[in-house]
Amino acid sequence: NKPENSAIDMATEMGIELLTEEQYRELQKLGNFDLKTSSWV
């Protein structure tokens, strides 16, 4: 039951970096995010 991909691999392919926990907390100061979902950091 392997997933199709991983967060780190996808981010690398896209040219982005996963948010750090600190960046995630800063983002939350700008709005309401992930009220029903969650995000790897």
ModelCIF file with pLDDT and N, C-alpha, C, O atoms, coordinates in Angstrom:
data_MODEL
#
_entry.id   MODEL 
#
_entity.id                         1 
_entity.type                       polymer 
_entity.pdbx_number_of_molecules   1 
#
_entity_poly.entity_id                      1 
_entity_poly.type                           'polypeptide(L)' 
_entity_poly.nstd_linkage                   no 
_entity_poly.nstd_monomer                   no 
_entity_poly.pdbx_seq_one_letter_code       NKPENSAIDMATEMGIELLTEEQYRELQKLGNFDLKTSSWV 
_entity_poly.pdbx_seq_one_letter_code_can   NKPENSAIDMATEMGIELLTEEQYRELQKLGNFDLKTSSWV 
_entity_poly.pdbx_strand_id                 A 
#
loop_
_entity_poly_seq.entity_id 
_entity_poly_seq.num 
_entity_poly_seq.mon_id 
_entity_poly_seq.hetero 
1 1  ASN n 
1 2  LYS n 
1 3  PRO n 
1 4  GLU n 
1 5  ASN n 
1 6  SER n 
1 7  ALA n 
1 8  ILE n 
1 9  ASP n 
1 10 MET n 
1 11 ALA n 
1 12 THR n 
1 13 GLU n 
1 14 MET n 
1 15 GLY n 
1 16 ILE n 
1 17 GLU n 
1 18 LEU n 
1 19 LEU n 
1 20 THR n 
1 21 GLU n 
1 22 GLU n 
1 23 GLN n 
1 24 TYR n 
1 25 ARG n 
1 26 GLU n 
1 27 LEU n 
1 28 GLN n 
1 29 LYS n 
1 30 LEU n 
1 31 GLY n 
1 32 ASN n 
1 33 PHE n 
1 34 ASP n 
1 35 LEU n 
1 36 LYS n 
1 37 THR n 
1 38 SER n 
1 39 SER n 
1 40 TRP n 
1 41 VAL n 
#
_struct_asym.id          A 
_struct_asym.entity_id   1 
#
loop_
_ma_qa_metric.id 
_ma_qa_metric.mode 
_ma_qa_metric.name 
_ma_qa_metric.software_group_id 
_ma_qa_metric.type 
1 global pLDDT . pLDDT 
2 local  pLDDT . pLDDT 
#
_ma_qa_metric_global.metric_id      1 
_ma_qa_metric_global.metric_value   96.59 
_ma_qa_metric_global.model_id       1 
_ma_qa_metric_global.ordinal_id     1 
#
loop_
_ma_qa_metric_local.label_asym_id 
_ma_qa_metric_local.label_comp_id 
_ma_qa_metric_local.label_seq_id 
_ma_qa_metric_local.metric_id 
_ma_qa_metric_local.metric_value 
_ma_qa_metric_local.model_id 
_ma_qa_metric_local.ordinal_id 
A ASN 1  2 90.00 1 1  
A LYS 2  2 89.00 1 2  
A PRO 3  2 92.00 1 3  
A GLU 4  2 90.00 1 4  
A ASN 5  2 95.00 1 5  
A SER 6  2 97.00 1 6  
A ALA 7  2 98.00 1 7  
A ILE 8  2 98.00 1 8  
A ASP 9  2 97.00 1 9  
A MET 10 2 97.00 1 10 
A ALA 11 2 98.00 1 11 
A THR 12 2 97.00 1 12 
A GLU 13 2 96.00 1 13 
A MET 14 2 97.00 1 14 
A GLY 15 2 96.00 1 15 
A ILE 16 2 98.00 1 16 
A GLU 17 2 97.00 1 17 
A LEU 18 2 98.00 1 18 
A LEU 19 2 98.00 1 19 
A THR 20 2 98.00 1 20 
A GLU 21 2 98.00 1 21 
A GLU 22 2 97.00 1 22 
A GLN 23 2 98.00 1 23 
A TYR 24 2 98.00 1 24 
A ARG 25 2 98.00 1 25 
A GLU 26 2 97.00 1 26 
A LEU 27 2 98.00 1 27 
A GLN 28 2 97.00 1 28 
A LYS 29 2 96.00 1 29 
A LEU 30 2 96.00 1 30 
A GLY 31 2 95.00 1 31 
A ASN 32 2 94.00 1 32 
A PHE 33 2 98.00 1 33 
A ASP 34 2 98.00 1 34 
A LEU 35 2 98.00 1 35 
A LYS 36 2 98.00 1 36 
A THR 37 2 98.00 1 37 
A SER 38 2 98.00 1 38 
A SER 39 2 98.00 1 39 
A TRP 40 2 98.00 1 40 
A VAL 41 2 98.00 1 41 
#
loop_
_atom_site.group_PDB 
_atom_site.id 
_atom_site.type_symbol 
_atom_site.label_atom_id 
_atom_site.label_alt_id 
_atom_site.label_comp_id 
_atom_site.label_asym_id 
_atom_site.label_entity_id 
_atom_site.label_seq_id 
_atom_site.pdbx_PDB_ins_code 
_atom_site.Cartn_x 
_atom_site.Cartn_y 
_atom_site.Cartn_z 
_atom_site.occupancy 
_atom_site.B_iso_or_equiv 
_atom_site.pdbx_formal_charge 
_atom_site.auth_seq_id 
_atom_site.auth_comp_id 
_atom_site.auth_asym_id 
_atom_site.auth_atom_id 
_atom_site.pdbx_PDB_model_num 
ATOM 1   N N  . ASN A 1 1  ? 0.813  -1.218 0.000  1.00 90.00 ? 1  ASN A N  1 
ATOM 2   C CA . ASN A 1 1  ? 0.000  0.000  0.000  1.00 90.00 ? 1  ASN A CA 1 
ATOM 3   C C  . ASN A 1 1  ? 0.847  1.270  0.000  1.00 90.00 ? 1  ASN A C  1 
ATOM 4   O O  . ASN A 1 1  ? 0.613  2.199  0.773  1.00 90.00 ? 1  ASN A O  1 
ATOM 5   N N  . LYS A 1 2  ? 1.827  1.280  -0.881 1.00 89.00 ? 2  LYS A N  1 
ATOM 6   C CA . LYS A 1 2  ? 2.705  2.452  -0.966 1.00 89.00 ? 2  LYS A CA 1 
ATOM 7   C C  . LYS A 1 2  ? 1.952  3.638  -1.548 1.00 89.00 ? 2  LYS A C  1 
ATOM 8   O O  . LYS A 1 2  ? 1.156  3.482  -2.474 1.00 89.00 ? 2  LYS A O  1 
ATOM 9   N N  . PRO A 1 3  ? 2.209  4.837  -0.998 1.00 92.00 ? 3  PRO A N  1 
ATOM 10  C CA . PRO A 1 3  ? 1.655  6.032  -1.645 1.00 92.00 ? 3  PRO A CA 1 
ATOM 11  C C  . PRO A 1 3  ? 2.411  6.286  -2.945 1.00 92.00 ? 3  PRO A C  1 
ATOM 12  O O  . PRO A 1 3  ? 3.444  5.664  -3.193 1.00 92.00 ? 3  PRO A O  1 
ATOM 13  N N  . GLU A 1 4  ? 1.910  7.179  -3.759 1.00 90.00 ? 4  GLU A N  1 
ATOM 14  C CA . GLU A 1 4  ? 2.551  7.441  -5.046 1.00 90.00 ? 4  GLU A CA 1 
ATOM 15  C C  . GLU A 1 4  ? 3.840  8.232  -4.928 1.00 90.00 ? 4  GLU A C  1 
ATOM 16  O O  . GLU A 1 4  ? 4.692  8.161  -5.814 1.00 90.00 ? 4  GLU A O  1 
ATOM 17  N N  . ASN A 1 5  ? 3.996  8.988  -3.842 1.00 95.00 ? 5  ASN A N  1 
ATOM 18  C CA . ASN A 1 5  ? 5.157  9.857  -3.753 1.00 95.00 ? 5  ASN A CA 1 
ATOM 19  C C  . ASN A 1 5  ? 5.404  10.233 -2.302 1.00 95.00 ? 5  ASN A C  1 
ATOM 20  O O  . ASN A 1 5  ? 4.702  9.779  -1.398 1.00 95.00 ? 5  ASN A O  1 
ATOM 21  N N  . SER A 1 6  ? 6.411  11.068 -2.096 1.00 97.00 ? 6  SER A N  1 
ATOM 22  C CA . SER A 1 6  ? 6.700  11.579 -0.760 1.00 97.00 ? 6  SER A CA 1 
ATOM 23  C C  . SER A 1 6  ? 6.746  13.102 -0.805 1.00 97.00 ? 6  SER A C  1 
ATOM 24  O O  . SER A 1 6  ? 6.961  13.694 -1.863 1.00 97.00 ? 6  SER A O  1 
ATOM 25  N N  . ALA A 1 7  ? 6.546  13.723 0.334  1.00 98.00 ? 7  ALA A N  1 
ATOM 26  C CA . ALA A 1 7  ? 6.550  15.184 0.413  1.00 98.00 ? 7  ALA A CA 1 
ATOM 27  C C  . ALA A 1 7  ? 7.898  15.759 -0.007 1.00 98.00 ? 7  ALA A C  1 
ATOM 28  O O  . ALA A 1 7  ? 7.950  16.709 -0.788 1.00 98.00 ? 7  ALA A O  1 
ATOM 29  N N  . ILE A 1 8  ? 8.983  15.195 0.503  1.00 98.00 ? 8  ILE A N  1 
ATOM 30  C CA . ILE A 1 8  ? 10.309 15.718 0.186  1.00 98.00 ? 8  ILE A CA 1 
ATOM 31  C C  . ILE A 1 8  ? 10.613 15.574 -1.303 1.00 98.00 ? 8  ILE A C  1 
ATOM 32  O O  . ILE A 1 8  ? 11.134 16.504 -1.918 1.00 98.00 ? 8  ILE A O  1 
ATOM 33  N N  . ASP A 1 9  ? 10.293 14.418 -1.892 1.00 97.00 ? 9  ASP A N  1 
ATOM 34  C CA . ASP A 1 9  ? 10.540 14.218 -3.321 1.00 97.00 ? 9  ASP A CA 1 
ATOM 35  C C  . ASP A 1 9  ? 9.717  15.188 -4.165 1.00 97.00 ? 9  ASP A C  1 
ATOM 36  O O  . ASP A 1 9  ? 10.237 15.782 -5.110 1.00 97.00 ? 9  ASP A O  1 
ATOM 37  N N  . MET A 1 10 ? 8.441  15.352 -3.831 1.00 97.00 ? 10 MET A N  1 
ATOM 38  C CA . MET A 1 10 ? 7.591  16.269 -4.594 1.00 97.00 ? 10 MET A CA 1 
ATOM 39  C C  . MET A 1 10 ? 8.101  17.697 -4.488 1.00 97.00 ? 10 MET A C  1 
ATOM 40  O O  . MET A 1 10 ? 8.168  18.413 -5.487 1.00 97.00 ? 10 MET A O  1 
ATOM 41  N N  . ALA A 1 11 ? 8.462  18.109 -3.281 1.00 98.00 ? 11 ALA A N  1 
ATOM 42  C CA . ALA A 1 11 ? 8.961  19.473 -3.084 1.00 98.00 ? 11 ALA A CA 1 
ATOM 43  C C  . ALA A 1 11 ? 10.223 19.701 -3.905 1.00 98.00 ? 11 ALA A C  1 
ATOM 44  O O  . ALA A 1 11 ? 10.377 20.743 -4.542 1.00 98.00 ? 11 ALA A O  1 
ATOM 45  N N  . THR A 1 12 ? 11.115 18.734 -3.888 1.00 97.00 ? 12 THR A N  1 
ATOM 46  C CA . THR A 1 12 ? 12.362 18.850 -4.648 1.00 97.00 ? 12 THR A CA 1 
ATOM 47  C C  . THR A 1 12 ? 12.068 18.952 -6.145 1.00 97.00 ? 12 THR A C  1 
ATOM 48  O O  . THR A 1 12 ? 12.645 19.792 -6.836 1.00 97.00 ? 12 THR A O  1 
ATOM 49  N N  . GLU A 1 13 ? 11.172 18.101 -6.644 1.00 96.00 ? 13 GLU A N  1 
ATOM 50  C CA . GLU A 1 13 ? 10.800 18.133 -8.057 1.00 96.00 ? 13 GLU A CA 1 
ATOM 51  C C  . GLU A 1 13 ? 10.205 19.478 -8.445 1.00 96.00 ? 13 GLU A C  1 
ATOM 52  O O  . GLU A 1 13 ? 10.429 19.968 -9.552 1.00 96.00 ? 13 GLU A O  1 
ATOM 53  N N  . MET A 1 14 ? 9.447  20.074 -7.532 1.00 97.00 ? 14 MET A N  1 
ATOM 54  C CA . MET A 1 14 ? 8.779  21.352 -7.799 1.00 97.00 ? 14 MET A CA 1 
ATOM 55  C C  . MET A 1 14 ? 9.715  22.547 -7.612 1.00 97.00 ? 14 MET A C  1 
ATOM 56  O O  . MET A 1 14 ? 9.453  23.629 -8.137 1.00 97.00 ? 14 MET A O  1 
ATOM 57  N N  . GLY A 1 15 ? 10.799 22.355 -6.871 1.00 96.00 ? 15 GLY A N  1 
ATOM 58  C CA . GLY A 1 15 ? 11.716 23.450 -6.615 1.00 96.00 ? 15 GLY A CA 1 
ATOM 59  C C  . GLY A 1 15 ? 11.366 24.280 -5.392 1.00 96.00 ? 15 GLY A C  1 
ATOM 60  O O  . GLY A 1 15 ? 11.762 25.441 -5.292 1.00 96.00 ? 15 GLY A O  1 
ATOM 61  N N  . ILE A 1 16 ? 10.620 23.686 -4.458 1.00 98.00 ? 16 ILE A N  1 
ATOM 62  C CA . ILE A 1 16 ? 10.241 24.392 -3.235 1.00 98.00 ? 16 ILE A CA 1 
ATOM 63  C C  . ILE A 1 16 ? 10.790 23.660 -2.016 1.00 98.00 ? 16 ILE A C  1 
ATOM 64  O O  . ILE A 1 16 ? 11.302 22.546 -2.122 1.00 98.00 ? 16 ILE A O  1 
ATOM 65  N N  . GLU A 1 17 ? 10.677 24.298 -0.873 1.00 97.00 ? 17 GLU A N  1 
ATOM 66  C CA . GLU A 1 17 ? 11.082 23.694 0.398  1.00 97.00 ? 17 GLU A CA 1 
ATOM 67  C C  . GLU A 1 17 ? 9.849  23.517 1.255  1.00 97.00 ? 17 GLU A C  1 
ATOM 68  O O  . GLU A 1 17 ? 8.982  24.390 1.284  1.00 97.00 ? 17 GLU A O  1 
ATOM 69  N N  . LEU A 1 18 ? 9.760  22.400 1.954  1.00 98.00 ? 18 LEU A N  1 
ATOM 70  C CA . LEU A 1 18 ? 8.694  22.242 2.938  1.00 98.00 ? 18 LEU A CA 1 
ATOM 71  C C  . LEU A 1 18 ? 8.834  23.348 3.966  1.00 98.00 ? 18 LEU A C  1 
ATOM 72  O O  . LEU A 1 18 ? 9.945  23.759 4.301  1.00 98.00 ? 18 LEU A O  1 
ATOM 73  N N  . LEU A 1 19 ? 7.704  23.829 4.467  1.00 98.00 ? 19 LEU A N  1 
ATOM 74  C CA . LEU A 1 19 ? 7.760  24.822 5.525  1.00 98.00 ? 19 LEU A CA 1 
ATOM 75  C C  . LEU A 1 19 ? 8.378  24.210 6.773  1.00 98.00 ? 19 LEU A C  1 
ATOM 76  O O  . LEU A 1 19 ? 8.218  23.020 7.044  1.00 98.00 ? 19 LEU A O  1 
ATOM 77  N N  . THR A 1 20 ? 9.074  25.028 7.515  1.00 98.00 ? 20 THR A N  1 
ATOM 78  C CA . THR A 1 20 ? 9.524  24.610 8.847  1.00 98.00 ? 20 THR A CA 1 
ATOM 79  C C  . THR A 1 20 ? 8.339  24.811 9.793  1.00 98.00 ? 20 THR A C  1 
ATOM 80  O O  . THR A 1 20 ? 7.350  25.448 9.432  1.00 98.00 ? 20 THR A O  1 
ATOM 81  N N  . GLU A 1 21 ? 8.446  24.270 10.994 1.00 98.00 ? 21 GLU A N  1 
ATOM 82  C CA . GLU A 1 21 ? 7.384  24.496 11.977 1.00 98.00 ? 21 GLU A CA 1 
ATOM 83  C C  . GLU A 1 21 ? 7.243  25.995 12.250 1.00 98.00 ? 21 GLU A C  1 
ATOM 84  O O  . GLU A 1 21 ? 6.124  26.492 12.375 1.00 98.00 ? 21 GLU A O  1 
ATOM 85  N N  . GLU A 1 22 ? 8.341  26.708 12.343 1.00 97.00 ? 22 GLU A N  1 
ATOM 86  C CA . GLU A 1 22 ? 8.297  28.152 12.594 1.00 97.00 ? 22 GLU A CA 1 
ATOM 87  C C  . GLU A 1 22 ? 7.610  28.894 11.447 1.00 97.00 ? 22 GLU A C  1 
ATOM 88  O O  . GLU A 1 22 ? 6.782  29.772 11.690 1.00 97.00 ? 22 GLU A O  1 
ATOM 89  N N  . GLN A 1 23 ? 7.944  28.552 10.202 1.00 98.00 ? 23 GLN A N  1 
ATOM 90  C CA . GLN A 1 23 ? 7.290  29.184 9.051  1.00 98.00 ? 23 GLN A CA 1 
ATOM 91  C C  . GLN A 1 23 ? 5.797  28.884 9.044  1.00 98.00 ? 23 GLN A C  1 
ATOM 92  O O  . GLN A 1 23 ? 4.982  29.751 8.729  1.00 98.00 ? 23 GLN A O  1 
ATOM 93  N N  . TYR A 1 24 ? 5.447  27.648 9.393  1.00 98.00 ? 24 TYR A N  1 
ATOM 94  C CA . TYR A 1 24 ? 4.036  27.259 9.439  1.00 98.00 ? 24 TYR A CA 1 
ATOM 95  C C  . TYR A 1 24 ? 3.288  28.131 10.445 1.00 98.00 ? 24 TYR A C  1 
ATOM 96  O O  . TYR A 1 24 ? 2.192  28.613 10.159 1.00 98.00 ? 24 TYR A O  1 
ATOM 97  N N  . ARG A 1 25 ? 3.872  28.330 11.604 1.00 98.00 ? 25 ARG A N  1 
ATOM 98  C CA . ARG A 1 25 ? 3.248  29.163 12.636 1.00 98.00 ? 25 ARG A CA 1 
ATOM 99  C C  . ARG A 1 25 ? 3.126  30.616 12.168 1.00 98.00 ? 25 ARG A C  1 
ATOM 100 O O  . ARG A 1 25 ? 2.127  31.275 12.458 1.00 98.00 ? 25 ARG A O  1 
ATOM 101 N N  . GLU A 1 26 ? 4.126  31.117 11.452 1.00 97.00 ? 26 GLU A N  1 
ATOM 102 C CA . GLU A 1 26 ? 4.054  32.478 10.912 1.00 97.00 ? 26 GLU A CA 1 
ATOM 103 C C  . GLU A 1 26 ? 2.937  32.583 9.871  1.00 97.00 ? 26 GLU A C  1 
ATOM 104 O O  . GLU A 1 26 ? 2.196  33.566 9.850  1.00 97.00 ? 26 GLU A O  1 
ATOM 105 N N  . LEU A 1 27 ? 2.818  31.574 9.012  1.00 98.00 ? 27 LEU A N  1 
ATOM 106 C CA . LEU A 1 27 ? 1.750  31.566 8.012  1.00 98.00 ? 27 LEU A CA 1 
ATOM 107 C C  . LEU A 1 27 ? 0.387  31.643 8.681  1.00 98.00 ? 27 LEU A C  1 
ATOM 108 O O  . LEU A 1 27 ? -0.503 32.343 8.199  1.00 98.00 ? 27 LEU A O  1 
ATOM 109 N N  . GLN A 1 28 ? 0.219  30.936 9.778  1.00 97.00 ? 28 GLN A N  1 
ATOM 110 C CA . GLN A 1 28 ? -1.073 30.912 10.470 1.00 97.00 ? 28 GLN A CA 1 
ATOM 111 C C  . GLN A 1 28 ? -1.471 32.291 11.007 1.00 97.00 ? 28 GLN A C  1 
ATOM 112 O O  . GLN A 1 28 ? -2.649 32.529 11.273 1.00 97.00 ? 28 GLN A O  1 
ATOM 113 N N  . LYS A 1 29 ? -0.521 33.184 11.165 1.00 96.00 ? 29 LYS A N  1 
ATOM 114 C CA . LYS A 1 29 ? -0.837 34.546 11.609 1.00 96.00 ? 29 LYS A CA 1 
ATOM 115 C C  . LYS A 1 29 ? -1.501 35.358 10.502 1.00 96.00 ? 29 LYS A C  1 
ATOM 116 O O  . LYS A 1 29 ? -2.081 36.411 10.763 1.00 96.00 ? 29 LYS A O  1 
ATOM 117 N N  . LEU A 1 30 ? -1.414 34.865 9.265  1.00 96.00 ? 30 LEU A N  1 
ATOM 118 C CA . LEU A 1 30 ? -1.967 35.581 8.114  1.00 96.00 ? 30 LEU A CA 1 
ATOM 119 C C  . LEU A 1 30 ? -3.355 35.107 7.710  1.00 96.00 ? 30 LEU A C  1 
ATOM 120 O O  . LEU A 1 30 ? -3.967 35.692 6.817  1.00 96.00 ? 30 LEU A O  1 
ATOM 121 N N  . GLY A 1 31 ? -3.858 34.069 8.341  1.00 95.00 ? 31 GLY A N  1 
ATOM 122 C CA . GLY A 1 31 ? -5.173 33.544 7.982  1.00 95.00 ? 31 GLY A CA 1 
ATOM 123 C C  . GLY A 1 31 ? -5.452 32.244 8.692  1.00 95.00 ? 31 GLY A C  1 
ATOM 124 O O  . GLY A 1 31 ? -4.710 31.823 9.579  1.00 95.00 ? 31 GLY A O  1 
ATOM 125 N N  . ASN A 1 32 ? -6.537 31.615 8.285  1.00 94.00 ? 32 ASN A N  1 
ATOM 126 C CA . ASN A 1 32 ? -6.923 30.319 8.847  1.00 94.00 ? 32 ASN A CA 1 
ATOM 127 C C  . ASN A 1 32 ? -6.594 29.232 7.835  1.00 94.00 ? 32 ASN A C  1 
ATOM 128 O O  . ASN A 1 32 ? -7.233 29.133 6.787  1.00 94.00 ? 32 ASN A O  1 
ATOM 129 N N  . PHE A 1 33 ? -5.601 28.423 8.152  1.00 98.00 ? 33 PHE A N  1 
ATOM 130 C CA . PHE A 1 33 ? -5.142 27.378 7.244  1.00 98.00 ? 33 PHE A CA 1 
ATOM 131 C C  . PHE A 1 33 ? -5.187 26.023 7.944  1.00 98.00 ? 33 PHE A C  1 
ATOM 132 O O  . PHE A 1 33 ? -4.954 25.929 9.149  1.00 98.00 ? 33 PHE A O  1 
ATOM 133 N N  . ASP A 1 34 ? -5.486 24.986 7.184  1.00 98.00 ? 34 ASP A N  1 
ATOM 134 C CA . ASP A 1 34 ? -5.510 23.606 7.694  1.00 98.00 ? 34 ASP A CA 1 
ATOM 135 C C  . ASP A 1 34 ? -6.462 23.436 8.879  1.00 98.00 ? 34 ASP A C  1 
ATOM 136 O O  . ASP A 1 34 ? -6.088 22.875 9.909  1.00 98.00 ? 34 ASP A O  1 
ATOM 137 N N  . LEU A 1 35 ? -7.687 23.922 8.726  1.00 98.00 ? 35 LEU A N  1 
ATOM 138 C CA . LEU A 1 35 ? -8.686 23.714 9.774  1.00 98.00 ? 35 LEU A CA 1 
ATOM 139 C C  . LEU A 1 35 ? -9.294 22.316 9.695  1.00 98.00 ? 35 LEU A C  1 
ATOM 140 O O  . LEU A 1 35 ? -9.884 21.840 10.664 1.00 98.00 ? 35 LEU A O  1 
ATOM 141 N N  . LYS A 1 36 ? -9.152 21.654 8.536  1.00 98.00 ? 36 LYS A N  1 
ATOM 142 C CA . LYS A 1 36 ? -9.677 20.297 8.351  1.00 98.00 ? 36 LYS A CA 1 
ATOM 143 C C  . LYS A 1 36 ? -8.597 19.322 7.897  1.00 98.00 ? 36 LYS A C  1 
ATOM 144 O O  . LYS A 1 36 ? -8.814 18.111 7.916  1.00 98.00 ? 36 LYS A O  1 
ATOM 145 N N  . THR A 1 37 ? -7.449 19.827 7.494  1.00 98.00 ? 37 THR A N  1 
ATOM 146 C CA . THR A 1 37 ? -6.369 18.992 6.984  1.00 98.00 ? 37 THR A CA 1 
ATOM 147 C C  . THR A 1 37 ? -5.122 19.222 7.831  1.00 98.00 ? 37 THR A C  1 
ATOM 148 O O  . THR A 1 37 ? -5.158 19.963 8.814  1.00 98.00 ? 37 THR A O  1 
ATOM 149 N N  . SER A 1 38 ? -4.026 18.586 7.445  1.00 98.00 ? 38 SER A N  1 
ATOM 150 C CA . SER A 1 38 ? -2.743 18.807 8.117  1.00 98.00 ? 38 SER A CA 1 
ATOM 151 C C  . SER A 1 38 ? -1.652 18.816 7.058  1.00 98.00 ? 38 SER A C  1 
ATOM 152 O O  . SER A 1 38 ? -1.857 18.370 5.929  1.00 98.00 ? 38 SER A O  1 
ATOM 153 N N  . SER A 1 39 ? -0.485 19.333 7.445  1.00 98.00 ? 39 SER A N  1 
ATOM 154 C CA . SER A 1 39 ? 0.623  19.462 6.489  1.00 98.00 ? 39 SER A CA 1 
ATOM 155 C C  . SER A 1 39 ? 1.935  19.004 7.124  1.00 98.00 ? 39 SER A C  1 
ATOM 156 O O  . SER A 1 39 ? 2.294  19.423 8.224  1.00 98.00 ? 39 SER A O  1 
ATOM 157 N N  . TRP A 1 40 ? 2.643  18.126 6.393  1.00 98.00 ? 40 TRP A N  1 
ATOM 158 C CA . TRP A 1 40 ? 3.985  17.758 6.817  1.00 98.00 ? 40 TRP A CA 1 
ATOM 159 C C  . TRP A 1 40 ? 4.835  19.027 6.875  1.00 98.00 ? 40 TRP A C  1 
ATOM 160 O O  . TRP A 1 40 ? 4.666  19.926 6.051  1.00 98.00 ? 40 TRP A O  1 
ATOM 161 N N  . VAL A 1 41 ? 5.739  19.101 7.839  1.00 98.00 ? 41 VAL A N  1 
ATOM 162 C CA . VAL A 1 41 ? 6.717  20.190 7.921  1.00 98.00 ? 41 VAL A CA 1 
ATOM 163 C C  . VAL A 1 41 ? 8.107  19.573 8.055  1.00 98.00 ? 41 VAL A C  1 
ATOM 164 O O  . VAL A 1 41 ? 9.098  20.297 8.141  1.00 98.00 ? 41 VAL A O  1 
#
